[in-house]
Protein backbone atom coordinates (compact mmCIF):
# COMPACT_ATOMS: atom_id res chain seq x y z
CA MET A 1 57.08 -75.30 102.67
CA LEU A 2 57.87 -71.85 104.05
CA GLU A 3 61.29 -72.25 102.44
CA LEU A 4 59.71 -72.63 98.99
CA ALA A 5 57.46 -69.62 99.50
CA ILE A 6 60.27 -67.35 100.73
CA LEU A 7 62.63 -68.27 97.91
CA GLY A 8 59.86 -67.80 95.36
CA LEU A 9 59.01 -64.33 96.63
CA LEU A 10 62.65 -63.24 96.87
CA GLN A 11 63.17 -64.36 93.29
CA GLU A 12 60.66 -61.67 92.34
CA ASN A 13 62.21 -58.88 94.45
CA PRO A 14 64.54 -58.31 97.41
CA MET A 15 62.45 -57.62 100.53
CA HIS A 16 62.56 -56.66 104.18
CA GLY A 17 61.29 -59.24 106.65
CA TYR A 18 58.05 -57.35 107.26
CA GLU A 19 57.50 -57.09 103.50
CA LEU A 20 58.04 -60.82 103.16
CA ARG A 21 55.50 -61.55 105.86
CA LYS A 22 52.95 -59.31 104.14
CA GLU A 23 53.60 -60.84 100.71
CA LEU A 24 53.39 -64.37 102.11
CA ALA A 25 49.93 -63.58 103.46
CA THR A 26 48.89 -62.07 100.11
CA LYS A 27 50.38 -64.83 97.97
CA LEU A 28 49.04 -67.72 99.98
CA GLY A 29 45.65 -66.16 100.60
CA THR A 30 43.16 -68.28 102.52
CA ILE A 31 45.41 -71.34 102.56
CA ARG A 32 48.10 -69.78 104.73
CA ALA A 33 48.74 -70.69 108.32
CA ALA A 34 49.49 -67.78 110.64
CA ILE A 35 53.05 -66.69 109.82
CA SER A 36 54.70 -65.08 112.82
CA TYR A 37 58.03 -63.32 113.00
CA GLY A 38 59.07 -66.10 115.37
CA THR A 39 58.65 -68.53 112.46
CA LEU A 40 59.83 -66.30 109.63
CA TYR A 41 63.16 -65.03 110.95
CA PRO A 42 64.59 -68.42 112.01
CA THR A 43 63.75 -69.69 108.51
CA LEU A 44 65.47 -66.68 106.95
CA LYS A 45 68.53 -67.32 109.10
CA ARG A 46 68.61 -70.97 108.02
CA LEU A 47 68.33 -70.03 104.34
CA GLN A 48 71.14 -67.53 104.79
CA SER A 49 73.36 -70.14 106.45
CA ALA A 50 72.71 -72.48 103.51
CA GLY A 51 73.87 -69.77 101.10
CA TRP A 52 70.47 -69.44 99.43
CA ILE A 53 69.82 -65.84 100.47
CA THR A 54 71.92 -62.89 101.58
CA GLU A 55 71.12 -59.86 103.68
CA SER A 56 72.20 -56.25 103.35
CA ALA A 57 71.38 -52.94 105.01
CA SER A 58 68.68 -50.69 103.55
CA ASP A 59 69.31 -47.18 102.32
CA PRO A 60 69.20 -45.14 105.56
CA SER A 61 67.36 -42.30 103.82
CA ILE A 62 64.25 -44.45 103.27
CA ILE A 63 64.13 -46.20 106.65
CA PRO A 64 61.37 -44.94 108.98
CA PRO A 65 62.62 -43.51 112.30
CA MET A 66 62.89 -45.91 115.26
CA THR A 67 63.05 -48.93 112.94
CA SER A 68 64.78 -51.90 114.61
CA LYS A 69 68.07 -53.27 113.30
CA ARG A 70 66.29 -56.37 112.01
CA GLY A 71 63.74 -54.18 110.21
CA ARG A 72 66.54 -52.43 108.31
CA VAL A 73 67.78 -55.67 106.71
CA VAL A 74 66.94 -56.47 103.09
CA TYR A 75 66.94 -60.12 101.98
CA LYS A 76 67.98 -61.16 98.48
CA ILE A 77 68.08 -64.56 96.79
CA THR A 78 71.43 -65.91 95.54
CA ALA A 79 72.19 -67.93 92.41
CA GLU A 80 72.30 -71.04 94.61
CA GLY A 81 68.96 -70.02 96.09
CA LYS A 82 67.43 -69.83 92.62
CA GLU A 83 68.67 -73.35 91.93
CA ARG A 84 67.21 -74.53 95.23
CA PHE A 85 63.86 -72.92 94.38
CA ALA A 86 63.82 -74.66 91.00
CA ASP A 87 64.55 -78.00 92.69
CA LEU A 88 61.74 -77.50 95.22
CA LEU A 89 59.36 -76.40 92.49
CA ALA A 90 60.00 -79.59 90.52
CA GLN A 91 59.07 -81.85 93.44
CA ALA A 92 55.78 -83.73 93.07
CA GLY A 93 55.97 -86.29 95.86
CA PRO A 94 53.40 -87.16 98.54
CA GLU A 95 54.30 -84.09 100.64
CA THR A 96 52.89 -81.90 97.85
CA TYR A 97 49.47 -83.57 98.20
CA ASP A 98 48.96 -82.53 101.84
CA ASP A 99 47.05 -79.37 102.70
CA ALA A 100 50.02 -77.07 103.42
CA GLY A 101 52.34 -78.52 100.79
CA PHE A 102 49.73 -78.44 98.06
CA GLY A 103 48.73 -74.88 98.87
CA VAL A 104 52.26 -73.48 98.64
CA HIS A 105 53.06 -75.38 95.44
CA PHE A 106 49.78 -74.29 93.88
CA ALA A 107 50.59 -70.65 94.65
CA PHE A 108 53.64 -70.99 92.37
CA PHE A 109 52.02 -73.07 89.63
CA SER A 110 52.59 -70.28 87.09
CA ARG A 111 56.33 -71.04 87.40
CA THR A 112 55.93 -74.83 87.42
CA ASP A 113 56.04 -76.98 84.29
CA ARG A 114 52.78 -78.57 83.18
CA ALA A 115 53.85 -82.18 83.78
CA THR A 116 54.69 -81.39 87.42
CA ARG A 117 51.47 -79.43 87.89
CA LEU A 118 49.48 -82.38 86.59
CA ARG A 119 51.23 -84.88 88.89
CA ILE A 120 50.56 -82.69 91.91
CA LEU A 121 46.91 -82.14 90.99
CA GLU A 122 46.31 -85.85 90.41
CA GLY A 123 48.05 -86.72 93.68
CA ARG A 124 46.00 -84.15 95.56
CA ARG A 125 42.80 -85.52 94.03
CA ARG A 126 43.68 -89.04 95.20
CA ARG A 127 44.42 -87.72 98.69
CA ILE A 128 41.07 -85.89 98.94
CA GLU A 129 39.19 -88.85 97.47
CA GLU A 130 40.69 -91.04 100.21
CA ARG A 131 39.61 -88.49 102.81
CA ARG A 132 36.14 -88.35 101.28
CA GLU A 133 35.75 -92.14 101.36
CA GLY A 134 36.86 -92.20 104.99
CA LEU A 135 34.19 -89.68 105.91
CA ARG A 136 31.55 -91.60 103.97
CA GLU A 137 32.47 -94.74 105.88
CA VAL A 138 32.19 -92.93 109.22
CA LEU A 139 28.77 -91.60 108.28
CA SER A 140 27.49 -94.95 107.05
CA ARG A 141 28.73 -96.92 110.08
CA ALA A 142 28.42 -94.50 112.97
CA ALA A 143 25.78 -91.91 112.05
CA ASP A 144 23.33 -93.31 114.59
CA ARG A 145 25.96 -93.08 117.37
CA LEU A 146 27.09 -89.50 116.69
CA ASP A 147 25.61 -86.48 118.42
CA ALA A 148 23.98 -83.83 116.26
CA TYR A 149 26.99 -81.48 116.17
CA THR A 150 29.53 -84.19 115.38
CA LEU A 151 27.28 -85.52 112.65
CA GLU A 152 26.99 -82.07 111.06
CA LEU A 153 30.76 -81.60 111.30
CA GLN A 154 31.32 -84.87 109.46
CA ARG A 155 28.81 -83.86 106.80
CA HIS A 156 30.53 -80.49 106.43
CA GLY A 157 33.87 -82.24 105.90
CA LEU A 158 32.32 -84.55 103.32
CA ASP A 159 30.76 -81.63 101.43
CA ALA A 160 34.11 -79.81 101.43
CA CYS A 161 35.88 -82.89 100.05
CA GLU A 162 33.33 -83.29 97.29
CA ARG A 163 33.70 -79.62 96.31
CA GLU A 164 37.48 -79.89 96.19
CA VAL A 165 37.40 -83.07 94.10
CA ARG A 166 35.19 -81.30 91.54
CA TRP A 167 37.53 -78.30 91.54
CA LEU A 168 40.59 -80.50 91.08
CA GLU A 169 38.96 -82.43 88.25
CA GLU A 170 38.30 -79.15 86.45
CA LEU A 171 41.92 -78.08 86.90
CA ILE A 172 43.20 -81.45 85.69
CA THR A 173 41.00 -81.21 82.60
CA ASN A 174 42.36 -77.72 81.91
CA GLU A 175 45.96 -78.89 82.29
CA ARG A 176 45.45 -81.82 79.94
CA SER A 177 43.88 -79.54 77.33
CA GLY A 178 46.49 -76.80 77.78
CA ARG A 179 44.06 -74.22 79.18
CA ALA A 180 45.02 -72.03 82.15
CA PRO A 181 42.41 -71.35 84.86
CA ALA A 182 40.70 -67.99 84.47
CA GLY A 183 40.84 -65.43 87.26
CA PRO A 184 42.63 -62.31 88.50
CA ALA A 185 46.21 -62.47 89.75
CA GLY A 186 46.84 -62.49 93.47
CA ALA A 187 45.70 -64.71 96.29
CA ILE A 188 44.32 -68.08 95.30
CA ASP A 189 41.26 -69.28 97.15
CA ILE A 190 41.61 -73.04 97.42
CA PRO A 191 38.58 -74.99 98.66
CA THR A 192 39.36 -76.06 102.19
CA THR A 193 38.54 -79.48 103.56
CA GLU A 194 39.04 -78.38 107.16
CA PRO A 195 36.02 -77.42 109.30
CA GLN A 196 35.83 -73.84 110.53
CA LYS A 197 36.63 -73.21 114.17
CA PRO A 198 33.98 -71.40 116.25
CA VAL A 199 34.65 -67.76 117.04
CA ALA A 200 35.05 -66.96 120.71
CA GLY A 201 32.05 -65.15 122.11
CA ASP A 202 29.58 -66.47 119.59
CA ALA A 203 26.22 -67.37 121.02
CA SER A 204 25.53 -71.09 121.20
CA PRO A 205 23.28 -72.10 118.29
CA GLU A 206 20.29 -74.31 118.52
CA PRO A 207 21.40 -77.94 118.16
CA PRO A 208 21.13 -78.92 114.48
CA ARG A 209 18.68 -81.62 113.63
CA PRO A 210 20.47 -84.57 112.01
CA HIS A 211 19.45 -85.09 108.40
CA LEU A 212 19.26 -88.83 108.63
CA ASP A 213 17.32 -89.03 105.40
CA ARG A 214 20.43 -88.02 103.44
CA PRO A 215 22.38 -90.82 101.76
């Protein structure tokens, strides 16, 4: 999925590697995984070997002093790379329903045709509905055997799934009616179905009391 994101950004403008990393973080917003240079540069090298991007040296007059050789390289998409991006953008298979795949495709929905957008949204909704039903089954069968924290974590996951299903249903309705979602350009905040990890150093909270009266 990093391949799709890089090609999409380079189709907008040629960029240095550090600019790409920054734009990836901005474009993908809260859905991004940590993108390290150790991940980015091998992917750039692979795309270059495939003939989908090229690299060239920057204008020396605008390069900051002490910049590394790699930092002076500008990456640009090729005609073949644009074709590859279009092919990736048109994909709507099961890999586009997963968390990472869906997030990257959604970030480029403005350049995706409506039929493909709709297939991806409907597939994602089915995937989250399956996840939601799995969590409901766990809660109905094992709630009395779970400790308080695990129970709350399962409830948190269920709540997140229900929020995302509602969000997806709204998007699907908009697509079918031809309306675009309202909102400013930039990072897209997609409801996450993954529980938040605790921050190191946080004080241990009081154990939550299970809400066994909830359905």
